[in-house]
Amino acid sequence: MLGPSVAWYLGVAAFLFGTGALGVLLRRNPLIVLLSLEIMLNGSNLALIAFSRHHGNGDGQIFALAVMAVAASEVVVGLGLIVALNRKRLALDVDKLSTLRG
């Protein structure tokens, strides 16, 4: 087996997921929260692909492709909401956006 072991990939995946989780918990800007969610999804994709490589089958890679499709749709909806809020001149703060408006 060439290259680093699976433990290194899982370490990087845990670091990415932890960095994304901190970004979601600490930041109030919805755009930064979406970017942090993308970092978390990339960390989970890396873990899935590492386990897939370790076990020698392609199941983890197929799941990673499904996660990428979900992430792409999440970005489309999230950015659409952010653009709509910006056009209405509303504050882009997650705490202020906790209630639904008609």
C-alpha atoms as a PDB file:
ATOM      1  CA  MET A   1       0.000   0.000   0.000  1.00  0.00           C
ATOM      2  CA  LEU A   2       1.531   3.287  -1.097  1.00  0.00           C
ATOM      3  CA  GLY A   3       1.064   6.627   0.587  1.00  0.00           C
ATOM      4  CA  PRO A   4       0.018   7.574   4.092  1.00  0.00           C
ATOM      5  CA  SER A   5      -2.025   5.220   6.232  1.00  0.00           C
ATOM      6  CA  VAL A   6      -5.728   5.609   6.875  1.00  0.00           C
ATOM      7  CA  ALA A   7      -5.030   7.173  10.281  1.00  0.00           C
ATOM      8  CA  TRP A   8      -3.501  10.244   8.624  1.00  0.00           C
ATOM      9  CA  TYR A   9      -6.535  10.699   6.397  1.00  0.00           C
ATOM     10  CA  LEU A  10      -8.850  10.345   9.371  1.00  0.00           C
ATOM     11  CA  GLY A  11      -6.790  12.862  11.325  1.00  0.00           C
ATOM     12  CA  VAL A  12      -7.099  15.424   8.538  1.00  0.00           C
ATOM     13  CA  ALA A  13     -10.822  14.633   8.224  1.00  0.00           C
ATOM     14  CA  ALA A  14     -11.312  15.164  11.975  1.00  0.00           C
ATOM     15  CA  PHE A  15      -9.403  18.458  11.792  1.00  0.00           C
ATOM     16  CA  LEU A  16     -11.576  19.654   8.882  1.00  0.00           C
ATOM     17  CA  PHE A  17     -14.761  18.600  10.633  1.00  0.00           C
ATOM     18  CA  GLY A  18     -13.704  20.273  13.890  1.00  0.00           C
ATOM     19  CA  THR A  19     -12.755  23.492  12.106  1.00  0.00           C
ATOM     20  CA  GLY A  20     -16.120  23.544  10.354  1.00  0.00           C
ATOM     21  CA  ALA A  21     -17.979  22.856  13.593  1.00  0.00           C
ATOM     22  CA  LEU A  22     -16.198  25.752  15.300  1.00  0.00           C
ATOM     23  CA  GLY A  23     -17.089  27.999  12.380  1.00  0.00           C
ATOM     24  CA  VAL A  24     -20.764  27.056  12.644  1.00  0.00           C
ATOM     25  CA  LEU A  25     -20.842  27.584  16.398  1.00  0.00           C
ATOM     26  CA  LEU A  26     -18.827  30.804  16.621  1.00  0.00           C
ATOM     27  CA  ARG A  27     -19.753  32.846  13.533  1.00  0.00           C
ATOM     28  CA  ARG A  28     -22.993  34.757  13.029  1.00  0.00           C
ATOM     29  CA  ASN A  29     -22.764  35.532   9.322  1.00  0.00           C
ATOM     30  CA  PRO A  30     -24.899  33.073   7.301  1.00  0.00           C
ATOM     31  CA  LEU A  31     -22.374  32.982   4.467  1.00  0.00           C
ATOM     32  CA  ILE A  32     -19.586  31.943   6.845  1.00  0.00           C
ATOM     33  CA  VAL A  33     -21.907  29.358   8.411  1.00  0.00           C
ATOM     34  CA  LEU A  34     -22.558  27.862   4.951  1.00  0.00           C
ATOM     35  CA  LEU A  35     -18.829  27.757   4.211  1.00  0.00           C
ATOM     36  CA  SER A  36     -18.219  26.058   7.549  1.00  0.00           C
ATOM     37  CA  LEU A  37     -20.878  23.464   6.734  1.00  0.00           C
ATOM     38  CA  GLU A  38     -19.095  22.796   3.444  1.00  0.00           C
ATOM     39  CA  ILE A  39     -15.831  22.237   5.323  1.00  0.00           C
ATOM     40  CA  MET A  40     -17.619  19.769   7.609  1.00  0.00           C
ATOM     41  CA  LEU A  41     -19.042  17.903   4.611  1.00  0.00           C
ATOM     42  CA  ASN A  42     -15.593  17.763   2.997  1.00  0.00           C
ATOM     43  CA  GLY A  43     -14.185  16.273   6.196  1.00  0.00           C
ATOM     44  CA  SER A  44     -16.865  13.600   6.208  1.00  0.00           C
ATOM     45  CA  ASN A  45     -16.203  12.891   2.512  1.00  0.00           C
ATOM     46  CA  LEU A  46     -12.517  12.418   3.240  1.00  0.00           C
ATOM     47  CA  ALA A  47     -13.337   9.967   6.037  1.00  0.00           C
ATOM     48  CA  LEU A  48     -15.705   8.007   3.781  1.00  0.00           C
ATOM     49  CA  ILE A  49     -13.132   7.766   1.019  1.00  0.00           C
ATOM     50  CA  ALA A  50     -10.385   6.772   3.492  1.00  0.00           C
ATOM     51  CA  PHE A  51     -12.502   3.917   4.842  1.00  0.00           C
ATOM     52  CA  SER A  52     -13.398   2.907   1.309  1.00  0.00           C
ATOM     53  CA  ARG A  53      -9.723   2.749   0.412  1.00  0.00           C
ATOM     54  CA  HIS A  54      -8.903   0.806   3.576  1.00  0.00           C
ATOM     55  CA  HIS A  55     -11.546  -1.835   2.930  1.00  0.00           C
ATOM     56  CA  GLY A  56     -10.861  -2.058  -0.799  1.00  0.00           C
ATOM     57  CA  ASN A  57     -14.382  -1.413  -2.060  1.00  0.00           C
ATOM     58  CA  GLY A  58     -16.110   1.567  -3.636  1.00  0.00           C
ATOM     59  CA  ASP A  59     -19.053   1.997  -1.274  1.00  0.00           C
ATOM     60  CA  GLY A  60     -17.541   4.979   0.531  1.00  0.00           C
ATOM     61  CA  GLN A  61     -16.835   6.732  -2.749  1.00  0.00           C
ATOM     62  CA  ILE A  62     -20.459   6.330  -3.824  1.00  0.00           C
ATOM     63  CA  PHE A  63     -21.638   7.768  -0.510  1.00  0.00           C
ATOM     64  CA  ALA A  64     -19.171  10.651  -0.945  1.00  0.00           C
ATOM     65  CA  LEU A  65     -20.712  11.424  -4.336  1.00  0.00           C
ATOM     66  CA  ALA A  66     -24.161  11.457  -2.727  1.00  0.00           C
ATOM     67  CA  VAL A  67     -22.885  13.848  -0.032  1.00  0.00           C
ATOM     68  CA  MET A  68     -21.466  16.114  -2.761  1.00  0.00           C
ATOM     69  CA  ALA A  69     -24.866  16.226  -4.460  1.00  0.00           C
ATOM     70  CA  VAL A  70     -26.540  17.172  -1.171  1.00  0.00           C
ATOM     71  CA  ALA A  71     -23.868  19.813  -0.539  1.00  0.00           C
ATOM     72  CA  ALA A  72     -24.410  21.343  -3.975  1.00  0.00           C
ATOM     73  CA  SER A  73     -28.159  21.603  -3.434  1.00  0.00           C
ATOM     74  CA  GLU A  74     -27.588  23.057   0.046  1.00  0.00           C
ATOM     75  CA  VAL A  75     -25.362  25.764  -1.414  1.00  0.00           C
ATOM     76  CA  VAL A  76     -27.927  26.680  -4.050  1.00  0.00           C
ATOM     77  CA  VAL A  77     -30.742  27.053  -1.534  1.00  0.00           C
ATOM     78  CA  GLY A  78     -28.583  28.786   1.075  1.00  0.00           C
ATOM     79  CA  LEU A  79     -27.108  31.326  -1.306  1.00  0.00           C
ATOM     80  CA  GLY A  80     -30.564  32.000  -2.731  1.00  0.00           C
ATOM     81  CA  LEU A  81     -31.830  32.794   0.759  1.00  0.00           C
ATOM     82  CA  ILE A  82     -28.850  35.035   1.483  1.00  0.00           C
ATOM     83  CA  VAL A  83     -29.362  36.967  -1.762  1.00  0.00           C
ATOM     84  CA  ALA A  84     -33.082  37.375  -0.993  1.00  0.00           C
ATOM     85  CA  LEU A  85     -32.297  38.676   2.500  1.00  0.00           C
ATOM     86  CA  ASN A  86     -29.710  41.059   1.137  1.00  0.00           C
ATOM     87  CA  ARG A  87     -32.171  42.460  -1.435  1.00  0.00           C
ATOM     88  CA  LYS A  88     -34.701  43.188   1.304  1.00  0.00           C
ATOM     89  CA  ARG A  89     -31.979  45.016   3.259  1.00  0.00           C
ATOM     90  CA  LEU A  90     -32.353  42.737   6.274  1.00  0.00           C
ATOM     91  CA  ALA A  91     -29.503  42.205   8.692  1.00  0.00           C
ATOM     92  CA  LEU A  92     -27.409  39.165   7.814  1.00  0.00           C
ATOM     93  CA  ASP A  93     -27.125  37.877  11.378  1.00  0.00           C
ATOM     94  CA  VAL A  94     -28.054  34.318  12.292  1.00  0.00           C
ATOM     95  CA  ASP A  95     -29.417  35.306  15.708  1.00  0.00           C
ATOM     96  CA  LYS A  96     -31.739  37.912  14.190  1.00  0.00           C
ATOM     97  CA  LEU A  97     -32.955  35.463  11.523  1.00  0.00           C
ATOM     98  CA  SER A  98     -34.300  32.940  14.008  1.00  0.00           C
ATOM     99  CA  THR A  99     -37.969  33.825  13.399  1.00  0.00           C
ATOM    100  CA  LEU A 100     -39.894  33.293  10.196  1.00  0.00           C
ATOM    101  CA  ARG A 101     -41.467  36.300   8.546  1.00  0.00           C
ATOM    102  CA  GLY A 102     -44.370  36.435   6.114  1.00  0.00           C
END
